[in-house]
N, C-alpha and C. Protein backbone atom coordinates (compact mmCIF):
# COMPACT_ATOMS: atom_id res chain seq x y z
N MET A 1 65.99 -80.39 -19.15
CA MET A 1 66.21 -79.26 -18.19
C MET A 1 64.88 -78.56 -18.05
N MET A 2 64.57 -78.30 -16.75
CA MET A 2 63.15 -77.85 -16.35
C MET A 2 63.20 -76.32 -16.26
N ALA A 3 62.24 -75.62 -17.06
CA ALA A 3 62.23 -74.19 -16.78
C ALA A 3 61.19 -73.79 -15.93
N PHE A 4 61.57 -72.85 -15.05
CA PHE A 4 60.46 -72.18 -14.26
C PHE A 4 60.18 -70.81 -14.50
N SER A 5 58.93 -70.44 -14.30
CA SER A 5 58.53 -69.13 -14.49
C SER A 5 57.77 -68.48 -13.27
N THR A 6 57.79 -67.19 -12.91
CA THR A 6 57.31 -66.60 -11.83
C THR A 6 56.23 -65.56 -12.28
N ARG A 7 54.91 -65.74 -11.76
CA ARG A 7 53.95 -64.85 -12.26
C ARG A 7 54.02 -63.54 -11.58
N CYS A 8 54.04 -62.27 -12.41
CA CYS A 8 54.25 -61.01 -11.90
C CYS A 8 53.06 -60.44 -11.18
N CYS A 9 52.96 -60.24 -10.01
CA CYS A 9 51.87 -59.72 -9.24
C CYS A 9 52.16 -58.38 -8.63
N ARG A 10 51.15 -57.44 -8.55
CA ARG A 10 51.36 -56.17 -7.86
C ARG A 10 51.52 -56.46 -6.40
N ARG A 11 52.38 -55.79 -5.79
CA ARG A 11 52.60 -56.01 -4.31
C ARG A 11 51.39 -55.53 -3.48
N VAL A 12 51.02 -56.28 -2.58
CA VAL A 12 49.95 -55.82 -1.80
C VAL A 12 50.01 -54.47 -1.00
N SER A 13 51.29 -54.24 -0.76
CA SER A 13 51.71 -53.05 0.11
C SER A 13 51.54 -51.72 -0.84
N ASP A 14 51.45 -51.92 -2.09
CA ASP A 14 51.15 -50.81 -3.14
C ASP A 14 49.76 -50.32 -3.20
N ALA A 15 48.85 -51.37 -2.97
CA ALA A 15 47.45 -51.02 -2.99
C ALA A 15 47.04 -49.91 -2.10
N PRO A 16 47.25 -49.88 -0.89
CA PRO A 16 46.80 -48.86 0.08
C PRO A 16 47.37 -47.51 -0.42
N LYS A 17 48.75 -47.36 -0.98
CA LYS A 17 49.18 -46.08 -1.25
C LYS A 17 48.46 -45.57 -2.38
N ASN A 18 48.12 -46.39 -3.33
CA ASN A 18 47.52 -45.95 -4.69
C ASN A 18 46.00 -45.45 -4.32
N HIS A 19 45.47 -46.09 -3.30
CA HIS A 19 44.03 -45.76 -2.97
C HIS A 19 44.11 -44.33 -2.26
N ALA A 20 45.21 -44.24 -1.40
CA ALA A 20 45.25 -42.94 -0.67
C ALA A 20 45.63 -41.80 -1.60
N LEU A 21 46.47 -42.21 -2.75
CA LEU A 21 46.68 -41.04 -3.68
C LEU A 21 45.54 -40.69 -4.49
N ARG A 22 44.61 -41.72 -4.74
CA ARG A 22 43.59 -41.33 -5.40
C ARG A 22 42.55 -40.36 -4.54
N ARG A 23 42.47 -40.69 -3.27
CA ARG A 23 41.78 -39.93 -2.33
C ARG A 23 42.15 -38.40 -2.26
N GLU A 24 43.59 -38.29 -2.18
CA GLU A 24 44.20 -37.04 -2.15
C GLU A 24 43.90 -36.12 -3.45
N ARG A 25 43.91 -36.86 -4.52
CA ARG A 25 43.60 -36.10 -5.80
C ARG A 25 41.95 -35.81 -5.92
N ALA A 26 41.22 -36.61 -5.27
CA ALA A 26 39.73 -36.36 -5.34
C ALA A 26 39.32 -35.23 -4.27
N GLN A 27 40.18 -34.99 -3.31
CA GLN A 27 39.77 -33.97 -2.28
C GLN A 27 39.52 -32.62 -2.88
N PRO A 28 40.30 -32.03 -3.79
CA PRO A 28 40.01 -30.76 -4.25
C PRO A 28 38.70 -30.64 -4.95
N ALA A 29 38.50 -31.79 -5.77
CA ALA A 29 37.12 -31.75 -6.59
C ALA A 29 35.89 -31.72 -5.59
N ARG A 30 36.20 -32.61 -4.39
CA ARG A 30 35.17 -32.57 -3.51
C ARG A 30 34.85 -31.32 -2.75
N ALA A 31 35.91 -30.53 -2.59
CA ALA A 31 35.92 -29.33 -1.97
C ALA A 31 35.22 -28.22 -2.74
N TRP A 32 35.57 -28.29 -4.18
CA TRP A 32 35.02 -27.40 -5.06
C TRP A 32 33.42 -27.61 -5.20
N LEU A 33 33.01 -28.85 -5.24
CA LEU A 33 31.64 -29.28 -5.21
C LEU A 33 30.88 -28.71 -3.99
N THR A 34 31.56 -28.95 -2.78
CA THR A 34 30.94 -28.53 -1.53
C THR A 34 30.80 -27.00 -1.44
N ALA A 35 31.85 -26.28 -1.98
CA ALA A 35 31.78 -24.87 -1.98
C ALA A 35 30.71 -24.27 -2.90
N THR A 36 30.58 -25.04 -4.09
CA THR A 36 29.56 -24.64 -5.16
C THR A 36 28.19 -24.83 -4.54
N LYS A 37 27.94 -26.01 -3.85
CA LYS A 37 26.66 -26.20 -3.09
C LYS A 37 26.30 -25.18 -2.14
N THR A 38 27.40 -24.84 -1.21
CA THR A 38 27.16 -23.80 -0.21
C THR A 38 26.80 -22.50 -0.72
N LEU A 39 27.53 -22.22 -1.92
CA LEU A 39 27.23 -20.85 -2.47
C LEU A 39 25.65 -20.72 -3.16
N ARG A 40 25.40 -21.95 -3.76
CA ARG A 40 24.09 -21.96 -4.18
C ARG A 40 22.93 -21.76 -3.15
N THR A 41 23.30 -22.61 -2.10
CA THR A 41 22.31 -22.45 -0.83
C THR A 41 22.26 -20.99 -0.39
N GLY A 42 23.32 -20.37 -0.29
CA GLY A 42 23.45 -19.06 0.15
C GLY A 42 22.78 -18.05 -0.60
N ILE A 43 22.84 -18.30 -1.96
CA ILE A 43 22.12 -17.42 -2.97
C ILE A 43 20.59 -17.59 -2.75
N THR A 44 20.16 -18.82 -2.53
CA THR A 44 18.81 -19.19 -2.47
C THR A 44 18.23 -18.52 -1.12
N VAL A 45 18.93 -18.61 -0.19
CA VAL A 45 18.35 -18.05 1.20
C VAL A 45 18.46 -16.52 1.02
N LEU A 46 19.31 -15.86 0.32
CA LEU A 46 19.28 -14.44 0.09
C LEU A 46 18.16 -14.05 -0.68
N VAL A 47 17.78 -14.63 -1.76
CA VAL A 47 16.69 -14.37 -2.54
C VAL A 47 15.34 -14.57 -1.82
N ALA A 48 15.17 -15.63 -1.01
CA ALA A 48 14.07 -15.81 -0.30
C ALA A 48 13.85 -14.82 0.84
N THR A 49 14.84 -14.35 1.45
CA THR A 49 14.83 -13.40 2.40
C THR A 49 14.43 -11.92 1.84
N TRP A 50 15.02 -11.80 0.66
CA TRP A 50 14.68 -10.42 -0.02
C TRP A 50 13.26 -10.55 -0.42
N LEU A 51 12.63 -11.55 -0.93
CA LEU A 51 11.17 -11.70 -1.22
C LEU A 51 10.41 -11.48 -0.03
N VAL A 52 10.78 -11.97 1.23
CA VAL A 52 10.04 -11.87 2.41
C VAL A 52 9.89 -10.40 2.93
N LEU A 53 11.18 -9.86 2.79
CA LEU A 53 11.26 -8.44 3.13
C LEU A 53 10.51 -7.55 2.28
N ALA A 54 10.48 -7.87 0.90
CA ALA A 54 9.87 -6.94 -0.02
C ALA A 54 8.29 -6.95 0.13
N ALA A 55 7.80 -8.18 0.54
CA ALA A 55 6.32 -8.29 0.64
C ALA A 55 5.67 -7.26 1.42
N PRO A 56 6.17 -6.91 2.64
CA PRO A 56 5.51 -5.84 3.44
C PRO A 56 5.58 -4.65 2.80
N ARG A 57 6.58 -4.21 1.98
CA ARG A 57 6.77 -2.95 1.29
C ARG A 57 5.67 -2.86 0.22
N ALA A 58 5.32 -3.90 -0.37
CA ALA A 58 4.23 -3.94 -1.50
C ALA A 58 2.97 -3.73 -0.76
N ALA A 59 2.78 -4.35 0.55
CA ALA A 59 1.50 -4.27 1.13
C ALA A 59 1.18 -2.69 1.48
N ALA A 60 2.42 -2.03 1.97
CA ALA A 60 2.35 -0.69 2.41
C ALA A 60 2.47 0.30 1.25
N ALA A 61 2.16 0.03 0.00
CA ALA A 61 2.29 0.86 -1.05
C ALA A 61 1.41 2.18 -0.89
N ASP A 62 1.70 3.29 -1.77
CA ASP A 62 1.17 4.45 -1.61
C ASP A 62 -0.39 4.30 -2.08
N GLY A 63 -1.29 5.11 -1.51
CA GLY A 63 -2.65 5.06 -1.97
C GLY A 63 -3.52 5.46 -0.82
N ILE A 64 -4.81 5.31 -0.92
CA ILE A 64 -5.85 5.66 0.12
C ILE A 64 -6.71 4.52 0.24
N GLU A 65 -6.97 4.24 1.64
CA GLU A 65 -7.62 2.93 1.93
C GLU A 65 -8.63 3.41 3.04
N VAL A 66 -9.88 2.94 2.93
CA VAL A 66 -10.90 3.20 3.91
C VAL A 66 -10.78 2.13 4.97
N LYS A 67 -10.56 2.48 6.11
CA LYS A 67 -10.42 1.52 7.28
C LYS A 67 -11.72 1.22 7.88
N THR A 68 -12.38 2.28 8.37
CA THR A 68 -13.84 2.10 8.86
C THR A 68 -14.63 3.20 8.46
N ALA A 69 -15.98 2.99 8.50
CA ALA A 69 -16.93 4.01 8.06
C ALA A 69 -18.30 3.66 8.79
N ALA A 70 -18.93 4.80 9.32
CA ALA A 70 -20.21 4.53 9.94
C ALA A 70 -21.02 5.75 9.82
N PHE A 71 -22.27 5.68 9.95
CA PHE A 71 -23.21 6.78 9.88
C PHE A 71 -24.22 6.86 11.03
N ARG A 72 -24.16 7.84 11.94
CA ARG A 72 -24.98 7.75 12.97
C ARG A 72 -26.11 8.82 12.70
N ILE A 73 -27.39 8.42 13.01
CA ILE A 73 -28.44 9.11 12.86
C ILE A 73 -28.86 9.78 14.13
N THR A 74 -29.04 11.21 14.08
CA THR A 74 -29.31 11.96 15.24
C THR A 74 -30.59 12.78 14.92
N GLU A 75 -30.98 13.49 15.96
CA GLU A 75 -32.22 14.39 15.72
C GLU A 75 -31.92 15.55 14.85
N GLU A 76 -30.78 15.82 14.54
CA GLU A 76 -30.37 16.97 13.69
C GLU A 76 -30.07 16.46 12.19
N GLY A 77 -30.11 15.31 12.11
CA GLY A 77 -29.73 14.76 10.83
C GLY A 77 -28.86 13.51 10.87
N GLY A 78 -27.67 13.61 10.58
CA GLY A 78 -26.71 12.38 10.70
C GLY A 78 -25.24 12.99 10.79
N VAL A 79 -24.51 11.94 11.30
CA VAL A 79 -23.04 12.19 11.36
C VAL A 79 -22.31 11.09 10.73
N LEU A 80 -21.47 11.48 9.83
CA LEU A 80 -20.55 10.62 9.01
C LEU A 80 -19.19 10.45 9.78
N GLU A 81 -18.93 9.25 10.14
CA GLU A 81 -17.56 8.91 10.81
C GLU A 81 -16.72 8.04 9.88
N ALA A 82 -15.57 8.39 9.55
CA ALA A 82 -14.88 7.55 8.62
C ALA A 82 -13.36 7.69 9.02
N ASP A 83 -12.59 6.66 8.84
CA ASP A 83 -11.15 6.72 9.04
C ASP A 83 -10.42 6.11 7.79
N PHE A 84 -9.55 6.86 7.22
CA PHE A 84 -8.65 6.42 6.26
C PHE A 84 -7.29 6.17 6.42
N GLU A 85 -6.65 5.53 5.64
CA GLU A 85 -5.13 5.44 5.65
C GLU A 85 -4.47 6.01 4.34
N ILE A 86 -3.80 7.15 4.57
CA ILE A 86 -3.40 7.87 3.35
C ILE A 86 -1.77 7.75 3.24
N THR A 87 -1.32 7.40 2.17
CA THR A 87 0.22 7.28 2.00
C THR A 87 0.51 7.95 0.56
N LEU A 88 1.30 8.96 0.70
CA LEU A 88 1.71 9.78 -0.68
C LEU A 88 3.00 9.11 -1.15
N ASN A 89 3.06 9.00 -2.52
CA ASN A 89 4.19 8.65 -3.12
C ASN A 89 5.24 9.63 -3.31
N GLN A 90 6.34 9.45 -3.85
CA GLN A 90 7.49 10.32 -3.85
C GLN A 90 7.14 11.50 -4.83
N THR A 91 6.31 11.20 -5.91
CA THR A 91 6.01 12.23 -6.88
C THR A 91 5.13 13.36 -6.07
N LEU A 92 4.22 12.92 -5.35
CA LEU A 92 3.33 13.94 -4.66
C LEU A 92 3.97 14.64 -3.65
N GLU A 93 4.80 13.94 -3.01
CA GLU A 93 5.54 14.53 -1.75
C GLU A 93 6.51 15.53 -2.42
N GLY A 94 7.08 15.26 -3.51
CA GLY A 94 8.05 16.19 -4.13
C GLY A 94 7.30 17.39 -4.61
N ALA A 95 6.22 17.20 -5.26
CA ALA A 95 5.38 18.35 -5.72
C ALA A 95 4.94 19.33 -4.40
N LEU A 96 4.66 18.61 -3.43
CA LEU A 96 4.01 19.30 -2.09
C LEU A 96 5.22 20.16 -1.69
N SER A 97 6.45 19.66 -1.62
CA SER A 97 7.63 20.31 -1.13
C SER A 97 8.06 21.55 -1.86
N LYS A 98 7.76 21.44 -3.16
CA LYS A 98 7.93 22.69 -4.02
C LYS A 98 6.87 23.65 -4.05
N GLY A 99 5.85 23.44 -3.11
CA GLY A 99 4.84 24.56 -3.00
C GLY A 99 3.57 24.30 -3.68
N VAL A 100 3.46 23.07 -4.23
CA VAL A 100 2.17 22.86 -5.07
C VAL A 100 1.13 22.19 -4.08
N PRO A 101 0.03 22.97 -4.02
CA PRO A 101 -0.95 22.36 -3.03
C PRO A 101 -1.62 21.20 -3.56
N LEU A 102 -2.22 20.20 -2.80
CA LEU A 102 -2.91 18.98 -3.33
C LEU A 102 -4.24 19.16 -2.54
N TYR A 103 -5.23 18.90 -3.45
CA TYR A 103 -6.67 18.91 -3.03
C TYR A 103 -7.26 17.65 -3.12
N PHE A 104 -7.82 17.22 -1.90
CA PHE A 104 -8.49 15.97 -1.66
C PHE A 104 -9.98 16.16 -1.60
N VAL A 105 -10.84 15.36 -2.01
CA VAL A 105 -12.17 15.54 -2.03
C VAL A 105 -12.85 14.34 -1.31
N LEU A 106 -13.65 14.51 -0.35
CA LEU A 106 -14.48 13.40 0.36
C LEU A 106 -15.80 13.45 -0.15
N ASP A 107 -16.17 12.30 -0.80
CA ASP A 107 -17.49 12.10 -1.35
C ASP A 107 -18.33 11.10 -0.48
N PHE A 108 -19.54 11.57 -0.22
CA PHE A 108 -20.39 10.74 0.66
C PHE A 108 -21.85 10.77 -0.13
N GLU A 109 -22.53 9.59 -0.07
CA GLU A 109 -23.82 9.55 -0.63
C GLU A 109 -24.69 8.55 0.13
N LEU A 110 -25.94 8.88 0.36
CA LEU A 110 -26.92 8.00 1.11
C LEU A 110 -28.23 7.81 0.20
N ILE A 111 -28.43 6.50 -0.13
CA ILE A 111 -29.54 6.14 -1.12
C ILE A 111 -30.46 5.23 -0.39
N ARG A 112 -31.61 5.13 -0.85
CA ARG A 112 -32.58 3.98 -0.55
C ARG A 112 -32.86 3.20 -1.77
N PRO A 113 -32.32 1.91 -1.67
CA PRO A 113 -32.51 1.13 -2.86
C PRO A 113 -34.07 0.70 -3.02
N ARG A 114 -34.55 0.66 -4.31
CA ARG A 114 -35.85 0.34 -4.65
C ARG A 114 -35.84 -0.56 -5.79
N TRP A 115 -36.45 -1.77 -5.69
CA TRP A 115 -36.38 -2.72 -6.69
C TRP A 115 -37.32 -2.47 -7.76
N TYR A 116 -38.41 -1.52 -7.53
CA TYR A 116 -39.36 -1.38 -8.59
C TYR A 116 -39.00 -0.15 -9.25
N TRP A 117 -38.11 0.64 -9.01
CA TRP A 117 -37.78 1.94 -9.53
C TRP A 117 -36.33 2.36 -9.38
N VAL A 118 -35.92 3.47 -9.84
CA VAL A 118 -34.51 3.78 -9.59
C VAL A 118 -34.26 4.16 -8.06
N ASN A 119 -33.08 4.06 -7.71
CA ASN A 119 -32.80 4.35 -6.20
C ASN A 119 -33.21 5.55 -5.91
N GLU A 120 -33.67 5.90 -4.63
CA GLU A 120 -33.76 7.30 -4.20
C GLU A 120 -32.64 7.85 -3.42
N LYS A 121 -32.23 9.07 -3.93
CA LYS A 121 -30.99 9.62 -3.34
C LYS A 121 -31.31 10.60 -2.19
N ILE A 122 -30.93 10.21 -0.93
CA ILE A 122 -31.38 10.79 0.22
C ILE A 122 -30.42 12.01 0.48
N ALA A 123 -29.08 11.69 0.37
CA ALA A 123 -28.13 12.80 0.56
C ALA A 123 -26.85 12.61 -0.27
N ALA A 124 -26.32 13.57 -0.71
CA ALA A 124 -24.97 13.54 -1.32
C ALA A 124 -24.20 14.82 -1.19
N SER A 125 -22.93 14.62 -0.73
CA SER A 125 -22.19 15.78 -0.33
C SER A 125 -20.61 15.49 -0.79
N GLN A 126 -20.01 16.68 -0.79
CA GLN A 126 -18.40 16.67 -1.20
C GLN A 126 -17.80 17.66 -0.19
N GLN A 127 -16.70 17.29 0.33
CA GLN A 127 -16.02 18.17 1.19
C GLN A 127 -14.46 18.14 0.72
N GLN A 128 -13.92 19.31 0.54
CA GLN A 128 -12.54 19.45 0.05
C GLN A 128 -11.51 19.89 1.15
N HIS A 129 -10.54 19.19 1.01
CA HIS A 129 -9.31 19.37 1.88
C HIS A 129 -8.09 19.86 1.02
N ARG A 130 -7.52 20.92 1.38
CA ARG A 130 -6.42 21.53 0.75
C ARG A 130 -5.20 21.27 1.70
N LEU A 131 -4.13 20.60 1.10
CA LEU A 131 -3.00 20.27 1.77
C LEU A 131 -1.95 20.87 1.08
N SER A 132 -1.02 21.81 1.93
CA SER A 132 0.06 22.60 1.39
C SER A 132 1.16 22.73 2.32
N TYR A 133 2.29 23.12 1.73
CA TYR A 133 3.42 23.16 2.52
C TYR A 133 4.12 24.48 2.42
N ASN A 134 4.59 25.08 3.46
CA ASN A 134 5.24 26.45 3.51
C ASN A 134 6.59 26.26 3.79
N ALA A 135 7.51 26.59 2.81
CA ALA A 135 8.95 26.33 2.91
C ALA A 135 9.61 27.19 3.85
N LEU A 136 9.04 28.50 4.16
CA LEU A 136 9.65 29.41 5.02
C LEU A 136 9.48 28.96 6.51
N THR A 137 8.18 28.63 6.88
CA THR A 137 7.80 28.17 8.28
C THR A 137 8.10 26.69 8.44
N ARG A 138 8.32 25.91 7.33
CA ARG A 138 8.47 24.47 7.30
C ARG A 138 7.32 23.92 7.98
N GLN A 139 6.17 24.24 7.69
CA GLN A 139 4.96 23.72 8.29
C GLN A 139 3.86 23.27 7.18
N TYR A 140 3.29 22.25 7.48
CA TYR A 140 2.07 21.83 6.52
C TYR A 140 0.88 22.41 7.10
N ARG A 141 -0.04 22.67 6.07
CA ARG A 141 -1.38 23.17 6.38
C ARG A 141 -2.51 22.47 5.61
N ILE A 142 -3.52 22.14 6.41
CA ILE A 142 -4.65 21.71 5.93
C ILE A 142 -5.89 22.59 6.00
N GLY A 143 -6.63 22.94 4.92
CA GLY A 143 -7.52 23.88 4.97
C GLY A 143 -8.96 23.08 4.58
N VAL A 144 -9.86 23.40 5.37
CA VAL A 144 -11.11 22.81 5.05
C VAL A 144 -12.25 24.07 4.99
N GLY A 145 -12.61 24.43 3.88
CA GLY A 145 -13.56 25.68 3.81
C GLY A 145 -12.61 26.80 4.27
N SER A 146 -13.13 27.53 5.31
CA SER A 146 -12.54 28.81 5.68
C SER A 146 -11.56 28.38 6.99
N LEU A 147 -11.54 27.21 7.26
CA LEU A 147 -10.86 26.69 8.46
C LEU A 147 -9.38 26.17 8.19
N TYR A 148 -8.47 26.59 8.96
CA TYR A 148 -7.06 26.01 8.49
C TYR A 148 -6.40 25.61 9.76
N GLN A 149 -5.58 24.71 9.66
CA GLN A 149 -4.61 24.08 10.81
C GLN A 149 -3.27 23.79 10.34
N ASN A 150 -2.27 24.22 11.21
CA ASN A 150 -0.91 23.89 10.80
C ASN A 150 -0.39 22.67 11.44
N PHE A 151 0.74 21.98 10.73
CA PHE A 151 1.25 20.83 11.44
C PHE A 151 2.69 20.90 11.02
N THR A 152 3.52 20.22 12.04
CA THR A 152 5.02 20.33 11.89
C THR A 152 5.54 19.16 10.79
N THR A 153 4.86 18.18 10.82
CA THR A 153 5.26 17.16 9.91
C THR A 153 4.14 16.63 9.04
N LEU A 154 4.40 16.06 7.85
CA LEU A 154 3.49 15.61 6.89
C LEU A 154 2.71 14.39 7.44
N ALA A 155 3.26 13.66 8.33
CA ALA A 155 2.50 12.49 9.03
C ALA A 155 1.35 13.01 9.82
N GLU A 156 1.67 14.08 10.43
CA GLU A 156 0.57 14.69 11.46
C GLU A 156 -0.56 15.20 10.54
N ALA A 157 -0.12 15.87 9.43
CA ALA A 157 -1.14 16.38 8.65
C ALA A 157 -2.12 15.31 7.89
N LEU A 158 -1.34 14.28 7.51
CA LEU A 158 -2.26 13.18 6.93
C LEU A 158 -3.11 12.41 7.92
N SER A 159 -2.55 12.33 9.21
CA SER A 159 -3.36 11.65 10.30
C SER A 159 -4.63 12.52 10.53
N PHE A 160 -4.46 13.78 10.51
CA PHE A 160 -5.61 14.68 10.74
C PHE A 160 -6.59 14.59 9.53
N MET A 161 -6.15 14.48 8.36
CA MET A 161 -7.20 14.37 7.17
C MET A 161 -7.71 13.10 7.24
N SER A 162 -7.06 12.08 7.74
CA SER A 162 -7.53 10.68 7.44
C SER A 162 -8.66 10.42 8.45
N ARG A 163 -8.74 11.32 9.44
CA ARG A 163 -10.09 11.07 10.46
C ARG A 163 -11.17 11.98 10.12
N VAL A 164 -12.41 11.53 9.63
CA VAL A 164 -13.43 12.28 9.25
C VAL A 164 -14.63 12.16 10.29
N ARG A 165 -14.96 13.37 10.75
CA ARG A 165 -16.22 13.45 11.64
C ARG A 165 -17.03 14.66 11.12
N ARG A 166 -18.07 14.49 10.37
CA ARG A 166 -18.66 15.40 9.61
C ARG A 166 -20.26 15.29 9.80
N ARG A 167 -20.92 16.38 9.98
CA ARG A 167 -22.43 16.36 9.85
C ARG A 167 -23.00 16.39 8.67
N GLU A 168 -23.98 15.51 8.31
CA GLU A 168 -24.69 15.59 7.07
C GLU A 168 -26.09 16.16 7.26
N ASP A 169 -26.44 17.07 6.50
CA ASP A 169 -27.83 17.73 6.61
C ASP A 169 -28.88 16.87 5.98
N ILE A 170 -29.83 16.24 6.85
CA ILE A 170 -30.78 15.41 6.42
C ILE A 170 -32.15 15.82 7.05
N GLU A 171 -33.13 16.15 6.22
CA GLU A 171 -34.33 16.67 6.74
C GLU A 171 -34.97 15.65 7.67
N PRO A 172 -35.56 16.14 8.89
CA PRO A 172 -36.18 15.32 9.81
C PRO A 172 -37.42 14.53 9.15
N GLY A 173 -37.56 13.32 9.36
CA GLY A 173 -38.64 12.35 8.80
C GLY A 173 -38.45 11.79 7.42
N VAL A 174 -37.11 12.19 6.85
CA VAL A 174 -36.80 11.56 5.65
C VAL A 174 -36.56 10.10 5.64
N LEU A 175 -35.74 9.73 6.74
CA LEU A 175 -35.36 8.34 6.92
C LEU A 175 -36.45 7.57 7.65
N ARG A 176 -36.97 6.65 7.08
CA ARG A 176 -38.01 5.75 7.54
C ARG A 176 -37.49 4.62 8.44
N LYS A 177 -38.12 4.24 9.52
CA LYS A 177 -37.69 3.17 10.30
C LYS A 177 -37.96 1.85 9.77
N ASP A 178 -38.82 1.77 8.79
CA ASP A 178 -39.18 0.45 8.16
C ASP A 178 -38.34 0.19 6.83
N ALA A 179 -37.42 1.07 6.63
CA ALA A 179 -36.66 0.95 5.33
C ALA A 179 -35.20 0.85 5.57
N SER A 180 -34.45 0.34 4.67
CA SER A 180 -32.97 0.17 4.81
C SER A 180 -32.35 1.05 3.79
N TYR A 181 -31.14 1.50 4.22
CA TYR A 181 -30.58 2.50 3.24
C TYR A 181 -29.05 2.06 3.11
N ALA A 182 -28.40 2.55 1.95
CA ALA A 182 -27.04 2.22 1.54
C ALA A 182 -26.23 3.52 1.59
N ALA A 183 -25.13 3.55 2.41
CA ALA A 183 -24.21 4.59 2.39
C ALA A 183 -22.97 4.33 1.77
N ALA A 184 -22.35 5.24 1.24
CA ALA A 184 -21.10 5.01 0.47
C ALA A 184 -20.09 6.30 0.83
N VAL A 185 -18.81 6.09 0.82
CA VAL A 185 -17.80 7.09 1.03
C VAL A 185 -16.60 6.67 0.35
N ARG A 186 -15.91 7.82 -0.08
CA ARG A 186 -14.59 7.63 -0.65
C ARG A 186 -13.79 8.90 -0.53
N LEU A 187 -12.48 8.71 -0.61
CA LEU A 187 -11.40 9.95 -0.62
C LEU A 187 -10.70 10.03 -1.76
N ARG A 188 -10.60 11.06 -2.45
CA ARG A 188 -9.73 11.01 -3.78
C ARG A 188 -8.94 12.33 -3.86
N LEU A 189 -7.83 12.28 -4.73
CA LEU A 189 -7.09 13.38 -5.01
C LEU A 189 -7.69 13.93 -6.37
N ASP A 190 -7.90 15.35 -6.25
CA ASP A 190 -8.62 16.15 -7.34
C ASP A 190 -7.59 16.70 -8.08
N THR A 191 -7.17 16.14 -9.22
CA THR A 191 -6.15 16.74 -10.03
C THR A 191 -6.68 17.97 -10.87
N THR A 192 -7.94 18.19 -11.00
CA THR A 192 -8.30 19.31 -11.70
C THR A 192 -8.09 20.62 -11.07
N GLN A 193 -7.74 20.55 -9.75
CA GLN A 193 -7.39 21.73 -9.03
C GLN A 193 -5.94 22.02 -9.07
N LEU A 194 -5.16 21.20 -9.71
CA LEU A 194 -3.68 21.48 -9.92
C LEU A 194 -3.33 22.48 -10.85
N PRO A 195 -2.24 23.14 -10.87
CA PRO A 195 -1.87 24.17 -11.79
C PRO A 195 -1.83 23.51 -13.16
N LYS A 196 -2.21 24.29 -14.32
CA LYS A 196 -2.19 23.68 -15.63
C LYS A 196 -0.99 22.90 -16.01
N PRO A 197 0.32 23.26 -15.69
CA PRO A 197 1.38 22.37 -16.16
C PRO A 197 1.38 21.12 -15.50
N PHE A 198 0.89 21.11 -14.27
CA PHE A 198 0.94 19.74 -13.56
C PHE A 198 -0.31 18.87 -14.01
N GLN A 199 -1.37 19.51 -14.40
CA GLN A 199 -2.46 18.78 -15.09
C GLN A 199 -2.06 18.10 -16.22
N LEU A 200 -1.21 18.46 -17.09
CA LEU A 200 -0.71 17.88 -18.29
C LEU A 200 0.12 16.70 -17.94
N ASN A 201 0.80 16.81 -16.76
CA ASN A 201 1.63 15.59 -16.28
C ASN A 201 0.93 14.51 -15.71
N THR A 202 -0.22 14.80 -15.35
CA THR A 202 -1.05 13.81 -14.56
C THR A 202 -1.67 12.86 -15.57
N LEU A 203 -1.83 13.30 -16.92
CA LEU A 203 -2.45 12.47 -17.89
C LEU A 203 -1.68 11.11 -18.16
N GLY A 204 -2.39 10.07 -17.86
CA GLY A 204 -1.85 8.70 -17.99
C GLY A 204 -0.81 8.31 -17.10
N SER A 205 -0.64 9.13 -15.91
CA SER A 205 0.36 8.82 -14.85
C SER A 205 -0.34 8.26 -13.71
N ARG A 206 0.10 7.20 -13.21
CA ARG A 206 -0.38 6.43 -12.12
C ARG A 206 0.03 7.19 -10.75
N ASP A 207 1.03 7.88 -10.79
CA ASP A 207 1.53 8.61 -9.58
C ASP A 207 0.35 9.70 -9.16
N TRP A 208 -0.34 10.22 -10.06
CA TRP A 208 -1.28 11.16 -9.71
C TRP A 208 -2.75 10.61 -9.55
N ASN A 209 -2.85 9.31 -9.83
CA ASN A 209 -4.24 8.59 -9.73
C ASN A 209 -4.34 8.05 -8.24
N LEU A 210 -4.79 8.91 -7.38
CA LEU A 210 -4.70 8.60 -5.91
C LEU A 210 -6.14 8.69 -5.43
N ALA A 211 -6.75 7.48 -5.09
CA ALA A 211 -8.21 7.37 -4.77
C ALA A 211 -8.40 6.23 -3.97
N SER A 212 -9.28 6.15 -3.03
CA SER A 212 -9.72 5.07 -2.39
C SER A 212 -10.94 4.38 -3.25
N GLU A 213 -11.13 3.04 -3.00
CA GLU A 213 -12.42 2.51 -3.55
C GLU A 213 -13.72 3.03 -2.83
N TRP A 214 -14.72 2.90 -3.36
CA TRP A 214 -15.97 3.25 -2.64
C TRP A 214 -16.28 2.26 -1.57
N TYR A 215 -16.50 2.64 -0.39
CA TYR A 215 -16.79 1.98 0.86
C TYR A 215 -18.22 2.04 1.03
N ARG A 216 -18.88 0.80 0.95
CA ARG A 216 -20.23 0.80 1.13
C ARG A 216 -20.70 -0.14 2.22
N TRP A 217 -21.88 0.38 2.86
CA TRP A 217 -22.47 -0.45 3.88
C TRP A 217 -23.99 0.02 4.08
N SER A 218 -24.74 -0.82 4.92
CA SER A 218 -26.22 -0.75 4.97
C SER A 218 -26.43 -0.09 6.34
N ILE A 219 -27.67 0.77 6.33
CA ILE A 219 -28.10 1.55 7.42
C ILE A 219 -29.51 1.10 7.68
N SER A 220 -29.88 0.87 8.87
CA SER A 220 -31.34 0.78 9.23
C SER A 220 -31.52 1.69 10.37
N PRO A 221 -32.40 2.69 10.27
CA PRO A 221 -32.72 3.73 11.27
C PRO A 221 -33.38 2.91 12.49
C-alpha cells in the first residue's frame, strides 16, 4: 500500500495581507518619527531666529561712541567738531527720572608729537554738560556753563548733547605749517559729581561706567 504526503505551504494569498498588516503597524512609528523631526527642525529655526534678532540688540547696547571728529583751524584759533552716539541704560534713565542729574565731561587735547623729547601739549580743555529731568514740567534740561536748554524728550536732549561745536583757544602762530599734530576727544560720565549715596553705588558697577574711547586723528595746518 503506497502512502502519500502533502507538503504544507503558506497560501500565496496570505502574503499581501501580512505585508499590509505590517505596514499598518509601522505607520504610527513613522508618524511619530516624522513629528519628532519636524519638532526638532522647528526648535532649531526658532533658536536661529532668536540669535539673529538678538544680534542687533547687542550692537545697539548702551554706551557712548564717537562717530566723527574734526578740528578746523581758523584765524581766531580752532573749532572742534564732533558727533557722538549716546545711549543710556535703564539704571541711568531710572536715576534721571528720580531727579538725579547726570554730568558728562567732554575732554579734548591737541599735542605735537616729538620723537626726540616728550610731546608738546598745544591745548587741553574740558566742557561739562549737566543733564537733568524736571518731574513737574516733564522736561529734560541740558546745562553748559550758564546756558540752559529744555527738551520734551530724552532722545532730543541726548541728540543735542551728542553734537559738539566748540571753539578752542589757541594762540596765533603756535601751530606751525611744517609740523603735524595729534588731536583726541572723548565724552564720559563724571560719577564724582553724583550725590554721595549714588557714588557708593557706582563702585564696581558697569551701569555707571559710561565713557567713549579716545578718538584720535592727525592734523596738518
